[in-house]
Amino acid sequence: EAQKQLLLYSENLEHEIDKKTQELHKKIYTNFLSALPNRNS
């Protein structure tokens, strides 16, 4: 069951990682107030 859950979690994790990567990219390269590209960008 754990293997099934782990497999499911792994799939969810990949999705979450992609999501977090996008969020992190947004945080790194976008100003949180204006949503415009920031200094890093």
Full PDB file with SEQRES, HELIX, SHEET, SSBOND, CRYST1, ORIGX, SCALE, CONECT and MASTER records, all heavy atoms in Angstrom:
SEQRES   1 A   41  GLU ALA GLN LYS GLN LEU LEU LEU TYR SER GLU ASN LEU          
SEQRES   2 A   41  GLU HIS GLU ILE ASP LYS LYS THR GLN GLU LEU HIS LYS          
SEQRES   3 A   41  LYS ILE TYR THR ASN PHE LEU SER ALA LEU PRO ASN ARG          
SEQRES   4 A   41  ASN SER                                                      
HELIX    1 AA1 ALA A    2  TYR A   29  1                                  28    
CRYST1    1.000    1.000    1.000  90.00  90.00  90.00 P 1           1          
ORIGX1      1.000000  0.000000  0.000000        0.00000                         
ORIGX2      0.000000  1.000000  0.000000        0.00000                         
ORIGX3      0.000000  0.000000  1.000000        0.00000                         
SCALE1      1.000000  0.000000  0.000000        0.00000                         
SCALE2      0.000000  1.000000  0.000000        0.00000                         
SCALE3      0.000000  0.000000  1.000000        0.00000                         
ATOM      1  N   GLU A   1       0.823  -1.199   0.000  1.00  0.00           N  
ATOM      2  CA  GLU A   1       0.000   0.000   0.000  1.00  0.00           C  
ATOM      3  C   GLU A   1       0.861   1.254   0.000  1.00  0.00           C  
ATOM      4  O   GLU A   1       0.568   2.232  -0.708  1.00  0.00           O  
ATOM      5  CB  GLU A   1      -0.921  -0.013   1.227  1.00  0.00           C  
ATOM      6  CG  GLU A   1      -1.938   1.128   1.266  1.00  0.00           C  
ATOM      7  CD  GLU A   1      -2.944   1.050   0.147  1.00  0.00           C  
ATOM      8  OE1 GLU A   1      -3.210  -0.077  -0.347  1.00  0.00           O  
ATOM      9  OE2 GLU A   1      -3.472   2.116  -0.249  1.00  0.00           O  
ATOM     10  N   ALA A   2       1.948   1.169   0.825  1.00  0.00           N  
ATOM     11  CA  ALA A   2       2.876   2.314   0.889  1.00  0.00           C  
ATOM     12  C   ALA A   2       3.555   2.537  -0.455  1.00  0.00           C  
ATOM     13  O   ALA A   2       3.784   3.681  -0.864  1.00  0.00           O  
ATOM     14  CB  ALA A   2       3.919   2.073   1.977  1.00  0.00           C  
ATOM     15  N   GLN A   3       3.890   1.417  -1.121  1.00  0.00           N  
ATOM     16  CA  GLN A   3       4.511   1.539  -2.441  1.00  0.00           C  
ATOM     17  C   GLN A   3       3.556   2.217  -3.420  1.00  0.00           C  
ATOM     18  O   GLN A   3       3.964   3.056  -4.220  1.00  0.00           O  
ATOM     19  CB  GLN A   3       4.918   0.159  -2.945  1.00  0.00           C  
ATOM     20  CG  GLN A   3       6.140  -0.415  -2.217  1.00  0.00           C  
ATOM     21  CD  GLN A   3       6.446  -1.838  -2.628  1.00  0.00           C  
ATOM     22  OE1 GLN A   3       5.596  -2.528  -3.180  1.00  0.00           O  
ATOM     23  NE2 GLN A   3       7.656  -2.280  -2.352  1.00  0.00           N  
ATOM     24  N   LYS A   4       2.269   1.800  -3.311  1.00  0.00           N  
ATOM     25  CA  LYS A   4       1.278   2.455  -4.164  1.00  0.00           C  
ATOM     26  C   LYS A   4       1.179   3.940  -3.846  1.00  0.00           C  
ATOM     27  O   LYS A   4       1.162   4.793  -4.734  1.00  0.00           O  
ATOM     28  CB  LYS A   4      -0.086   1.797  -3.971  1.00  0.00           C  
ATOM     29  CG  LYS A   4      -0.177   0.381  -4.524  1.00  0.00           C  
ATOM     30  CD  LYS A   4      -1.579  -0.192  -4.293  1.00  0.00           C  
ATOM     31  CE  LYS A   4      -1.690  -1.621  -4.803  1.00  0.00           C  
ATOM     32  NZ  LYS A   4      -3.034  -2.199  -4.539  1.00  0.00           N  
ATOM     33  N   GLN A   5       1.116   4.205  -2.495  1.00  0.00           N  
ATOM     34  CA  GLN A   5       1.033   5.604  -2.059  1.00  0.00           C  
ATOM     35  C   GLN A   5       2.271   6.382  -2.475  1.00  0.00           C  
ATOM     36  O   GLN A   5       2.195   7.548  -2.864  1.00  0.00           O  
ATOM     37  CB  GLN A   5       0.852   5.665  -0.534  1.00  0.00           C  
ATOM     38  CG  GLN A   5      -0.472   5.130  -0.034  1.00  0.00           C  
ATOM     39  CD  GLN A   5      -1.636   6.010  -0.473  1.00  0.00           C  
ATOM     40  OE1 GLN A   5      -1.499   7.210  -0.657  1.00  0.00           O  
ATOM     41  NE2 GLN A   5      -2.804   5.380  -0.658  1.00  0.00           N  
ATOM     42  N   LEU A   6       3.448   5.682  -2.336  1.00  0.00           N  
ATOM     43  CA  LEU A   6       4.710   6.332  -2.696  1.00  0.00           C  
ATOM     44  C   LEU A   6       4.745   6.649  -4.181  1.00  0.00           C  
ATOM     45  O   LEU A   6       5.216   7.725  -4.587  1.00  0.00           O  
ATOM     46  CB  LEU A   6       5.882   5.426  -2.318  1.00  0.00           C  
ATOM     47  CG  LEU A   6       7.288   6.001  -2.530  1.00  0.00           C  
ATOM     48  CD1 LEU A   6       7.479   7.252  -1.679  1.00  0.00           C  
ATOM     49  CD2 LEU A   6       8.349   4.975  -2.199  1.00  0.00           C  
ATOM     50  N   LEU A   7       4.252   5.693  -4.963  1.00  0.00           N  
ATOM     51  CA  LEU A   7       4.204   5.921  -6.402  1.00  0.00           C  
ATOM     52  C   LEU A   7       3.292   7.100  -6.722  1.00  0.00           C  
ATOM     53  O   LEU A   7       3.638   7.977  -7.517  1.00  0.00           O  
ATOM     54  CB  LEU A   7       3.708   4.651  -7.098  1.00  0.00           C  
ATOM     55  CG  LEU A   7       3.695   4.676  -8.632  1.00  0.00           C  
ATOM     56  CD1 LEU A   7       5.103   4.891  -9.169  1.00  0.00           C  
ATOM     57  CD2 LEU A   7       3.107   3.390  -9.183  1.00  0.00           C  
ATOM     58  N   LEU A   8       2.125   7.090  -6.031  1.00  0.00           N  
ATOM     59  CA  LEU A   8       1.195   8.201  -6.221  1.00  0.00           C  
ATOM     60  C   LEU A   8       1.801   9.510  -5.727  1.00  0.00           C  
ATOM     61  O   LEU A   8       1.688  10.547  -6.384  1.00  0.00           O  
ATOM     62  CB  LEU A   8      -0.113   7.902  -5.471  1.00  0.00           C  
ATOM     63  CG  LEU A   8      -1.221   8.964  -5.576  1.00  0.00           C  
ATOM     64  CD1 LEU A   8      -1.662   9.121  -7.030  1.00  0.00           C  
ATOM     65  CD2 LEU A   8      -2.406   8.577  -4.699  1.00  0.00           C  
ATOM     66  N   TYR A   9       2.467   9.394  -4.522  1.00  0.00           N  
ATOM     67  CA  TYR A   9       3.112  10.589  -3.964  1.00  0.00           C  
ATOM     68  C   TYR A   9       4.216  11.085  -4.882  1.00  0.00           C  
ATOM     69  O   TYR A   9       4.412  12.288  -5.042  1.00  0.00           O  
ATOM     70  CB  TYR A   9       3.683  10.254  -2.591  1.00  0.00           C  
ATOM     71  CG  TYR A   9       4.463  11.375  -1.959  1.00  0.00           C  
ATOM     72  CD1 TYR A   9       3.825  12.487  -1.405  1.00  0.00           C  
ATOM     73  CD2 TYR A   9       5.861  11.348  -1.939  1.00  0.00           C  
ATOM     74  CE1 TYR A   9       4.535  13.523  -0.844  1.00  0.00           C  
ATOM     75  CE2 TYR A   9       6.584  12.381  -1.380  1.00  0.00           C  
ATOM     76  CZ  TYR A   9       5.921  13.461  -0.838  1.00  0.00           C  
ATOM     77  OH  TYR A   9       6.643  14.483  -0.280  1.00  0.00           O  
ATOM     78  N   SER A  10       4.956  10.118  -5.466  1.00  0.00           N  
ATOM     79  CA  SER A  10       6.040  10.493  -6.374  1.00  0.00           C  
ATOM     80  C   SER A  10       5.491  11.271  -7.561  1.00  0.00           C  
ATOM     81  O   SER A  10       6.067  12.284  -7.980  1.00  0.00           O  
ATOM     82  CB  SER A  10       6.774   9.234  -6.842  1.00  0.00           C  
ATOM     83  OG  SER A  10       7.794   9.563  -7.743  1.00  0.00           O  
ATOM     84  N   GLU A  11       4.351  10.765  -8.078  1.00  0.00           N  
ATOM     85  CA  GLU A  11       3.734  11.479  -9.195  1.00  0.00           C  
ATOM     86  C   GLU A  11       3.264  12.861  -8.756  1.00  0.00           C  
ATOM     87  O   GLU A  11       3.485  13.857  -9.457  1.00  0.00           O  
ATOM     88  CB  GLU A  11       2.555  10.662  -9.732  1.00  0.00           C  
ATOM     89  CG  GLU A  11       2.974   9.343 -10.377  1.00  0.00           C  
ATOM     90  CD  GLU A  11       1.783   8.487 -10.770  1.00  0.00           C  
ATOM     91  OE1 GLU A  11       0.644   8.900 -10.444  1.00  0.00           O  
ATOM     92  OE2 GLU A  11       1.980   7.427 -11.386  1.00  0.00           O  
ATOM     93  N   ASN A  12       2.629  12.883  -7.559  1.00  0.00           N  
ATOM     94  CA  ASN A  12       2.175  14.182  -7.029  1.00  0.00           C  
ATOM     95  C   ASN A  12       3.345  15.096  -6.734  1.00  0.00           C  
ATOM     96  O   ASN A  12       3.262  16.316  -6.913  1.00  0.00           O  
ATOM     97  CB  ASN A  12       1.343  13.977  -5.763  1.00  0.00           C  
ATOM     98  CG  ASN A  12       0.023  13.284  -6.054  1.00  0.00           C  
ATOM     99  OD1 ASN A  12      -0.467  13.343  -7.171  1.00  0.00           O  
ATOM    100  ND2 ASN A  12      -0.539  12.625  -5.049  1.00  0.00           N  
ATOM    101  N   LEU A  13       4.443  14.446  -6.227  1.00  0.00           N  
ATOM    102  CA  LEU A  13       5.631  15.236  -5.884  1.00  0.00           C  
ATOM    103  C   LEU A  13       6.233  15.876  -7.124  1.00  0.00           C  
ATOM    104  O   LEU A  13       6.645  17.041  -7.097  1.00  0.00           O  
ATOM    105  CB  LEU A  13       6.659  14.346  -5.190  1.00  0.00           C  
ATOM    106  CG  LEU A  13       7.934  15.034  -4.692  1.00  0.00           C  
ATOM    107  CD1 LEU A  13       7.587  16.100  -3.644  1.00  0.00           C  
ATOM    108  CD2 LEU A  13       8.909  14.027  -4.110  1.00  0.00           C  
ATOM    109  N   GLU A  14       6.287  15.082  -8.198  1.00  0.00           N  
ATOM    110  CA  GLU A  14       6.807  15.646  -9.444  1.00  0.00           C  
ATOM    111  C   GLU A  14       5.961  16.835  -9.876  1.00  0.00           C  
ATOM    112  O   GLU A  14       6.490  17.873 -10.294  1.00  0.00           O  
ATOM    113  CB  GLU A  14       6.809  14.570 -10.528  1.00  0.00           C  
ATOM    114  CG  GLU A  14       7.866  13.488 -10.317  1.00  0.00           C  
ATOM    115  CD  GLU A  14       7.824  12.443 -11.411  1.00  0.00           C  
ATOM    116  OE1 GLU A  14       7.033  12.629 -12.371  1.00  0.00           O  
ATOM    117  OE2 GLU A  14       8.567  11.457 -11.312  1.00  0.00           O  
ATOM    118  N   HIS A  15       4.643  16.637  -9.755  1.00  0.00           N  
ATOM    119  CA  HIS A  15       3.739  17.742 -10.108  1.00  0.00           C  
ATOM    120  C   HIS A  15       3.957  18.932  -9.182  1.00  0.00           C  
ATOM    121  O   HIS A  15       4.002  20.084  -9.632  1.00  0.00           O  
ATOM    122  CB  HIS A  15       2.290  17.252 -10.017  1.00  0.00           C  
ATOM    123  CG  HIS A  15       1.285  18.332 -10.277  1.00  0.00           C  
ATOM    124  ND1 HIS A  15       1.066  18.875 -11.531  1.00  0.00           N  
ATOM    125  CD2 HIS A  15       0.439  18.980  -9.414  1.00  0.00           C  
ATOM    126  CE1 HIS A  15       0.134  19.815 -11.440  1.00  0.00           C  
ATOM    127  NE2 HIS A  15      -0.272  19.898 -10.177  1.00  0.00           N  
ATOM    128  N   GLU A  16       4.113  18.600  -7.858  1.00  0.00           N  
ATOM    129  CA  GLU A  16       4.319  19.670  -6.876  1.00  0.00           C  
ATOM    130  C   GLU A  16       5.651  20.364  -7.099  1.00  0.00           C  
ATOM    131  O   GLU A  16       5.759  21.588  -6.943  1.00  0.00           O  
ATOM    132  CB  GLU A  16       4.249  19.068  -5.462  1.00  0.00           C  
ATOM    133  CG  GLU A  16       4.184  20.095  -4.344  1.00  0.00           C  
ATOM    134  CD  GLU A  16       2.889  20.880  -4.326  1.00  0.00           C  
ATOM    135  OE1 GLU A  16       1.881  20.397  -4.904  1.00  0.00           O  
ATOM    136  OE2 GLU A  16       2.876  21.978  -3.750  1.00  0.00           O  
ATOM    137  N   ILE A  17       6.679  19.549  -7.442  1.00  0.00           N  
ATOM    138  CA  ILE A  17       8.006  20.133  -7.701  1.00  0.00           C  
ATOM    139  C   ILE A  17       7.928  21.086  -8.892  1.00  0.00           C  
ATOM    140  O   ILE A  17       8.494  22.186  -8.869  1.00  0.00           O  
ATOM    141  CB  ILE A  17       9.047  19.023  -7.939  1.00  0.00           C  
ATOM    142  CG1 ILE A  17       9.362  18.317  -6.617  1.00  0.00           C  
ATOM    143  CG2 ILE A  17      10.326  19.600  -8.530  1.00  0.00           C  
ATOM    144  CD1 ILE A  17      10.248  17.103  -6.765  1.00  0.00           C  
ATOM    145  N   ASP A  18       7.237  20.612  -9.925  1.00  0.00           N  
ATOM    146  CA  ASP A  18       7.064  21.493 -11.092  1.00  0.00           C  
ATOM    147  C   ASP A  18       6.355  22.778 -10.695  1.00  0.00           C  
ATOM    148  O   ASP A  18       6.752  23.883 -11.104  1.00  0.00           O  
ATOM    149  CB  ASP A  18       6.257  20.771 -12.175  1.00  0.00           C  
ATOM    150  CG  ASP A  18       7.042  19.617 -12.788  1.00  0.00           C  
ATOM    151  OD1 ASP A  18       8.279  19.637 -12.676  1.00  0.00           O  
ATOM    152  OD2 ASP A  18       6.414  18.705 -13.369  1.00  0.00           O  
ATOM    153  N   LYS A  19       5.309  22.596  -9.861  1.00  0.00           N  
ATOM    154  CA  LYS A  19       4.545  23.757  -9.419  1.00  0.00           C  
ATOM    155  C   LYS A  19       5.411  24.685  -8.577  1.00  0.00           C  
ATOM    156  O   LYS A  19       5.422  25.904  -8.777  1.00  0.00           O  
ATOM    157  CB  LYS A  19       3.329  23.286  -8.620  1.00  0.00           C  
ATOM    158  CG  LYS A  19       2.413  24.405  -8.158  1.00  0.00           C  
ATOM    159  CD  LYS A  19       1.230  23.847  -7.381  1.00  0.00           C  
ATOM    160  CE  LYS A  19       0.348  24.964  -6.834  1.00  0.00           C  
ATOM    161  NZ  LYS A  19      -0.783  24.434  -6.028  1.00  0.00           N  
ATOM    162  N   LYS A  20       6.144  24.061  -7.598  1.00  0.00           N  
ATOM    163  CA  LYS A  20       7.001  24.863  -6.726  1.00  0.00           C  
ATOM    164  C   LYS A  20       8.134  25.510  -7.507  1.00  0.00           C  
ATOM    165  O   LYS A  20       8.556  26.629  -7.193  1.00  0.00           O  
ATOM    166  CB  LYS A  20       7.566  23.994  -5.600  1.00  0.00           C  
ATOM    167  CG  LYS A  20       6.531  23.506  -4.595  1.00  0.00           C  
ATOM    168  CD  LYS A  20       5.922  24.656  -3.825  1.00  0.00           C  
ATOM    169  CE  LYS A  20       4.918  24.172  -2.784  1.00  0.00           C  
ATOM    170  NZ  LYS A  20       4.265  25.285  -2.082  1.00  0.00           N  
ATOM    171  N   THR A  21       8.639  24.769  -8.502  1.00  0.00           N  
ATOM    172  CA  THR A  21       9.708  25.337  -9.336  1.00  0.00           C  
ATOM    173  C   THR A  21       9.209  26.580 -10.051  1.00  0.00           C  
ATOM    174  O   THR A  21       9.910  27.599 -10.123  1.00  0.00           O  
ATOM    175  CB  THR A  21      10.194  24.287 -10.353  1.00  0.00           C  
ATOM    176  OG1 THR A  21      10.666  23.137  -9.649  1.00  0.00           O  
ATOM    177  CG2 THR A  21      11.323  24.854 -11.203  1.00  0.00           C  
ATOM    178  N   GLN A  22       7.992  26.456 -10.566  1.00  0.00           N  
ATOM    179  CA  GLN A  22       7.402  27.622 -11.233  1.00  0.00           C  
ATOM    180  C   GLN A  22       7.186  28.767 -10.244  1.00  0.00           C  
ATOM    181  O   GLN A  22       7.469  29.933 -10.552  1.00  0.00           O  
ATOM    182  CB  GLN A  22       6.070  27.235 -11.887  1.00  0.00           C  
ATOM    183  CG  GLN A  22       6.224  26.261 -13.042  1.00  0.00           C  
ATOM    184  CD  GLN A  22       4.892  25.776 -13.582  1.00  0.00           C  
ATOM    185  OE1 GLN A  22       3.837  26.221 -13.141  1.00  0.00           O  
ATOM    186  NE2 GLN A  22       4.933  24.849 -14.530  1.00  0.00           N  
ATOM    187  N   GLU A  23       6.698  28.379  -9.036  1.00  0.00           N  
ATOM    188  CA  GLU A  23       6.491  29.411  -8.009  1.00  0.00           C  
ATOM    189  C   GLU A  23       7.816  30.034  -7.596  1.00  0.00           C  
ATOM    190  O   GLU A  23       7.906  31.255  -7.417  1.00  0.00           O  
ATOM    191  CB  GLU A  23       5.808  28.797  -6.789  1.00  0.00           C  
ATOM    192  CG  GLU A  23       4.359  28.407  -7.027  1.00  0.00           C  
ATOM    193  CD  GLU A  23       3.733  27.753  -5.807  1.00  0.00           C  
ATOM    194  OE1 GLU A  23       4.448  27.607  -4.789  1.00  0.00           O  
ATOM    195  OE2 GLU A  23       2.538  27.388  -5.863  1.00  0.00           O  
ATOM    196  N   LEU A  24       8.844  29.165  -7.421  1.00  0.00           N  
ATOM    197  CA  LEU A  24      10.159  29.675  -7.038  1.00  0.00           C  
ATOM    198  C   LEU A  24      10.731  30.567  -8.126  1.00  0.00           C  
ATOM    199  O   LEU A  24      11.310  31.627  -7.843  1.00  0.00           O  
ATOM    200  CB  LEU A  24      11.098  28.496  -6.756  1.00  0.00           C  
ATOM    201  CG  LEU A  24      12.511  28.853  -6.281  1.00  0.00           C  
ATOM    202  CD1 LEU A  24      12.446  29.620  -4.964  1.00  0.00           C  
ATOM    203  CD2 LEU A  24      13.364  27.604  -6.117  1.00  0.00           C  
ATOM    204  N   HIS A  25      10.550  30.121  -9.375  1.00  0.00           N  
ATOM    205  CA  HIS A  25      11.026  30.937 -10.494  1.00  0.00           C  
ATOM    206  C   HIS A  25      10.320  32.296 -10.486  1.00  0.00           C  
ATOM    207  O   HIS A  25      10.948  33.338 -10.714  1.00  0.00           O  
ATOM    208  CB  HIS A  25      10.755  30.194 -11.802  1.00  0.00           C  
ATOM    209  CG  HIS A  25      11.310  30.892 -13.007  1.00  0.00           C  
ATOM    210  ND1 HIS A  25      10.619  31.893 -13.654  1.00  0.00           N  
ATOM    211  CD2 HIS A  25      12.502  30.758 -13.658  1.00  0.00           C  
ATOM    212  CE1 HIS A  25      11.337  32.342 -14.660  1.00  0.00           C  
ATOM    213  NE2 HIS A  25      12.493  31.668 -14.695  1.00  0.00           N  
ATOM    214  N   LYS A  26       9.010  32.217 -10.171  1.00  0.00           N  
ATOM    215  CA  LYS A  26       8.248  33.470 -10.122  1.00  0.00           C  
ATOM    216  C   LYS A  26       8.750  34.365  -8.999  1.00  0.00           C  
ATOM    217  O   LYS A  26       8.883  35.577  -9.164  1.00  0.00           O  
ATOM    218  CB  LYS A  26       6.764  33.146  -9.927  1.00  0.00           C  
ATOM    219  CG  LYS A  26       5.858  34.366 -10.011  1.00  0.00           C  
ATOM    220  CD  LYS A  26       4.398  33.968  -9.906  1.00  0.00           C  
ATOM    221  CE  LYS A  26       3.489  35.188  -9.987  1.00  0.00           C  
ATOM    222  NZ  LYS A  26       2.060  34.831  -9.872  1.00  0.00           N  
ATOM    223  N   LYS A  27       9.020  33.737  -7.823  1.00  0.00           N  
ATOM    224  CA  LYS A  27       9.513  34.528  -6.691  1.00  0.00           C  
ATOM    225  C   LYS A  27      10.887  35.114  -6.981  1.00  0.00           C  
ATOM    226  O   LYS A  27      11.191  36.239  -6.590  1.00  0.00           O  
ATOM    227  CB  LYS A  27       9.576  33.661  -5.434  1.00  0.00           C  
ATOM    228  CG  LYS A  27       8.219  33.362  -4.828  1.00  0.00           C  
ATOM    229  CD  LYS A  27       8.369  32.522  -3.568  1.00  0.00           C  
ATOM    230  CE  LYS A  27       7.005  32.226  -2.956  1.00  0.00           C  
ATOM    231  NZ  LYS A  27       7.127  31.398  -1.730  1.00  0.00           N  
ATOM    232  N   ILE A  28      11.726  34.314  -7.652  1.00  0.00           N  
ATOM    233  CA  ILE A  28      13.093  34.760  -7.923  1.00  0.00           C  
ATOM    234  C   ILE A  28      13.115  35.845  -8.985  1.00  0.00           C  
ATOM    235  O   ILE A  28      13.881  36.808  -8.887  1.00  0.00           O  
ATOM    236  CB  ILE A  28      13.971  33.559  -8.347  1.00  0.00           C  
ATOM    237  CG1 ILE A  28      14.149  32.601  -7.158  1.00  0.00           C  
ATOM    238  CG2 ILE A  28      15.333  34.028  -8.843  1.00  0.00           C  
ATOM    239  CD1 ILE A  28      14.878  31.329  -7.506  1.00  0.00           C  
ATOM    240  N   TYR A  29      12.249  35.691  -9.970  1.00  0.00           N  
ATOM    241  CA  TYR A  29      12.332  36.580 -11.127  1.00  0.00           C  
ATOM    242  C   TYR A  29      11.153  37.555 -11.249  1.00  0.00           C  
ATOM    243  O   TYR A  29      11.064  38.281 -12.231  1.00  0.00           O  
ATOM    244  CB  TYR A  29      12.439  35.758 -12.412  1.00  0.00           C  
ATOM    245  CG  TYR A  29      13.727  34.974 -12.488  1.00  0.00           C  
ATOM    246  CD1 TYR A  29      13.749  33.612 -12.217  1.00  0.00           C  
ATOM    247  CD2 TYR A  29      14.923  35.602 -12.816  1.00  0.00           C  
ATOM    248  CE1 TYR A  29      14.933  32.890 -12.282  1.00  0.00           C  
ATOM    249  CE2 TYR A  29      16.112  34.894 -12.879  1.00  0.00           C  
ATOM    250  CZ  TYR A  29      16.110  33.531 -12.609  1.00  0.00           C  
ATOM    251  OH  TYR A  29      17.285  32.828 -12.666  1.00  0.00           O  
ATOM    252  N   THR A  30      10.262  37.547 -10.236  1.00  0.00           N  
ATOM    253  CA  THR A  30       9.098  38.451 -10.298  1.00  0.00           C  
ATOM    254  C   THR A  30       8.955  39.207  -8.990  1.00  0.00           C  
ATOM    255  O   THR A  30       9.119  38.627  -7.914  1.00  0.00           O  
ATOM    256  CB  THR A  30       7.807  37.649 -10.566  1.00  0.00           C  
ATOM    257  OG1 THR A  30       7.986  36.849 -11.730  1.00  0.00           O  
ATOM    258  CG2 THR A  30       6.622  38.576 -10.758  1.00  0.00           C  
ATOM    259  N   ASN A  31       8.654  40.483  -9.085  1.00  0.00           N  
ATOM    260  CA  ASN A  31       8.418  41.273  -7.886  1.00  0.00           C  
ATOM    261  C   ASN A  31       7.064  40.888  -7.291  1.00  0.00           C  
ATOM    262  O   ASN A  31       6.053  40.826  -8.001  1.00  0.00           O  
ATOM    263  CB  ASN A  31       8.440  42.760  -8.231  1.00  0.00           C  
ATOM    264  CG  ASN A  31       8.316  43.632  -6.990  1.00  0.00           C  
ATOM    265  OD1 ASN A  31       7.217  43.888  -6.513  1.00  0.00           O  
ATOM    266  ND2 ASN A  31       9.442  44.083  -6.477  1.00  0.00           N  
ATOM    267  N   PHE A  32       7.037  40.622  -5.986  1.00  0.00           N  
ATOM    268  CA  PHE A  32       5.831  40.108  -5.347  1.00  0.00           C  
ATOM    269  C   PHE A  32       4.696  41.139  -5.307  1.00  0.00           C  
ATOM    270  O   PHE A  32       3.523  40.778  -5.240  1.00  0.00           O  
ATOM    271  CB  PHE A  32       6.155  39.635  -3.924  1.00  0.00           C  
ATOM    272  CG  PHE A  32       6.385  40.742  -2.938  1.00  0.00           C  
ATOM    273  CD1 PHE A  32       5.377  41.160  -2.090  1.00  0.00           C  
ATOM    274  CD2 PHE A  32       7.620  41.378  -2.867  1.00  0.00           C  
ATOM    275  CE1 PHE A  32       5.583  42.177  -1.188  1.00  0.00           C  
ATOM    276  CE2 PHE A  32       7.833  42.394  -1.961  1.00  0.00           C  
ATOM    277  CZ  PHE A  32       6.818  42.796  -1.113  1.00  0.00           C  
ATOM    278  N   LEU A  33       5.044  42.428  -5.344  1.00  0.00           N  
ATOM    279  CA  LEU A  33       4.003  43.459  -5.278  1.00  0.00           C  
ATOM    280  C   LEU A  33       3.375  43.720  -6.640  1.00  0.00           C  
ATOM    281  O   LEU A  33       2.162  43.714  -6.794  1.00  0.00           O  
ATOM    282  CB  LEU A  33       4.593  44.765  -4.738  1.00  0.00           C  
ATOM    283  CG  LEU A  33       4.554  45.004  -3.226  1.00  0.00           C  
ATOM    284  CD1 LEU A  33       5.178  46.348  -2.898  1.00  0.00           C  
ATOM    285  CD2 LEU A  33       3.120  44.947  -2.707  1.00  0.00           C  
ATOM    286  N   SER A  34       4.231  43.936  -7.638  1.00  0.00           N  
ATOM    287  CA  SER A  34       3.744  44.385  -8.947  1.00  0.00           C  
ATOM    288  C   SER A  34       3.567  43.260  -9.946  1.00  0.00           C  
ATOM    289  O   SER A  34       2.923  43.450 -10.981  1.00  0.00           O  
ATOM    290  CB  SER A  34       4.726  45.405  -9.526  1.00  0.00           C  
ATOM    291  OG  SER A  34       6.000  44.788  -9.726  1.00  0.00           O  
ATOM    292  N   ALA A  35       4.159  42.080  -9.649  1.00  0.00           N  
ATOM    293  CA  ALA A  35       4.140  40.936 -10.581  1.00  0.00           C  
ATOM    294  C   ALA A  35       4.932  41.239 -11.848  1.00  0.00           C  
ATOM    295  O   ALA A  35       4.843  40.499 -12.841  1.00  0.00           O  
ATOM    296  CB  ALA A  35       2.718  40.521 -10.924  1.00  0.00           C  
ATOM    297  N   LEU A  36       5.749  42.303 -11.813  1.00  0.00           N  
ATOM    298  CA  LEU A  36       6.629  42.622 -12.939  1.00  0.00           C  
ATOM    299  C   LEU A  36       7.961  41.884 -12.780  1.00  0.00           C  
ATOM    300  O   LEU A  36       8.339  41.505 -11.668  1.00  0.00           O  
ATOM    301  CB  LEU A  36       6.890  44.131 -12.985  1.00  0.00           C  
ATOM    302  CG  LEU A  36       5.718  45.041 -13.374  1.00  0.00           C  
ATOM    303  CD1 LEU A  36       6.117  46.507 -13.187  1.00  0.00           C  
ATOM    304  CD2 LEU A  36       5.293  44.779 -14.815  1.00  0.00           C  
ATOM    305  N   PRO A  37       8.686  41.681 -13.872  1.00  0.00           N  
ATOM    306  CA  PRO A  37      10.037  41.101 -13.754  1.00  0.00           C  
ATOM    307  C   PRO A  37      10.886  41.957 -12.814  1.00  0.00           C  
ATOM    308  O   PRO A  37      10.810  43.191 -12.852  1.00  0.00           O  
ATOM    309  CB  PRO A  37      10.569  41.136 -15.191  1.00  0.00           C  
ATOM    310  CG  PRO A  37       9.351  41.182 -16.053  1.00  0.00           C  
ATOM    311  CD  PRO A  37       8.321  41.948 -15.281  1.00  0.00           C  
ATOM    312  N   ASN A  38      11.706  41.285 -11.957  1.00  0.00           N  
ATOM    313  CA  ASN A  38      12.471  42.022 -10.956  1.00  0.00           C  
ATOM    314  C   ASN A  38      13.936  42.177 -11.355  1.00  0.00           C  
ATOM    315  O   ASN A  38      14.312  41.930 -12.514  1.00  0.00           O  
ATOM    316  CB  ASN A  38      12.339  41.344  -9.592  1.00  0.00           C  
ATOM    317  CG  ASN A  38      12.879  39.921  -9.605  1.00  0.00           C  
ATOM    318  OD1 ASN A  38      13.530  39.498 -10.562  1.00  0.00           O  
ATOM    319  ND2 ASN A  38      12.601  39.179  -8.556  1.00  0.00           N  
ATOM    320  N   ARG A  39      14.741  42.545 -10.381  1.00  0.00           N  
ATOM    321  CA  ARG A  39      16.173  42.780 -10.629  1.00  0.00           C  
ATOM    322  C   ARG A  39      16.851  41.519 -11.166  1.00  0.00           C  
ATOM    323  O   ARG A  39      17.668  41.590 -12.098  1.00  0.00           O  
ATOM    324  CB  ARG A  39      16.846  43.255  -9.346  1.00  0.00           C  
ATOM    325  CG  ARG A  39      18.338  43.527  -9.496  1.00  0.00           C  
ATOM    326  CD  ARG A  39      18.969  43.855  -8.158  1.00  0.00           C  
ATOM    327  NE  ARG A  39      18.471  45.110  -7.620  1.00  0.00           N  
ATOM    328  CZ  ARG A  39      19.020  46.299  -7.861  1.00  0.00           C  
ATOM    329  NH1 ARG A  39      20.092  46.387  -8.633  1.00  0.00           N  
ATOM    330  NH2 ARG A  39      18.497  47.387  -7.343  1.00  0.00           N  
ATOM    331  N   ASN A  40      16.552  40.367 -10.555  1.00  0.00           N  
ATOM    332  CA  ASN A  40      17.163  39.114 -11.020  1.00  0.00           C  
ATOM    333  C   ASN A  40      16.839  38.847 -12.481  1.00  0.00           C  
ATOM    334  O   ASN A  40      17.693  38.406 -13.263  1.00  0.00           O  
ATOM    335  CB  ASN A  40      16.683  37.939 -10.162  1.00  0.00           C  
ATOM    336  CG  ASN A  40      17.172  38.038  -8.738  1.00  0.00           C  
ATOM    337  OD1 ASN A  40      18.254  38.556  -8.478  1.00  0.00           O  
ATOM    338  ND2 ASN A  40      16.379  37.538  -7.798  1.00  0.00           N  
ATOM    339  N   SER A  41      15.586  39.095 -12.839  1.00  0.00           N  
ATOM    340  CA  SER A  41      15.177  38.906 -14.229  1.00  0.00           C  
ATOM    341  C   SER A  41      15.930  39.863 -15.153  1.00  0.00           C  
ATOM    342  O   SER A  41      16.368  39.479 -16.249  1.00  0.00           O  
ATOM    343  CB  SER A  41      13.676  39.125 -14.350  1.00  0.00           C  
ATOM    344  OG  SER A  41      13.245  38.913 -15.668  1.00  0.00           O  
TER     345      SER A  41                                                      
MASTER        0    0    0    1    0    0    0    6  344    1    0    4          
END                                                                             
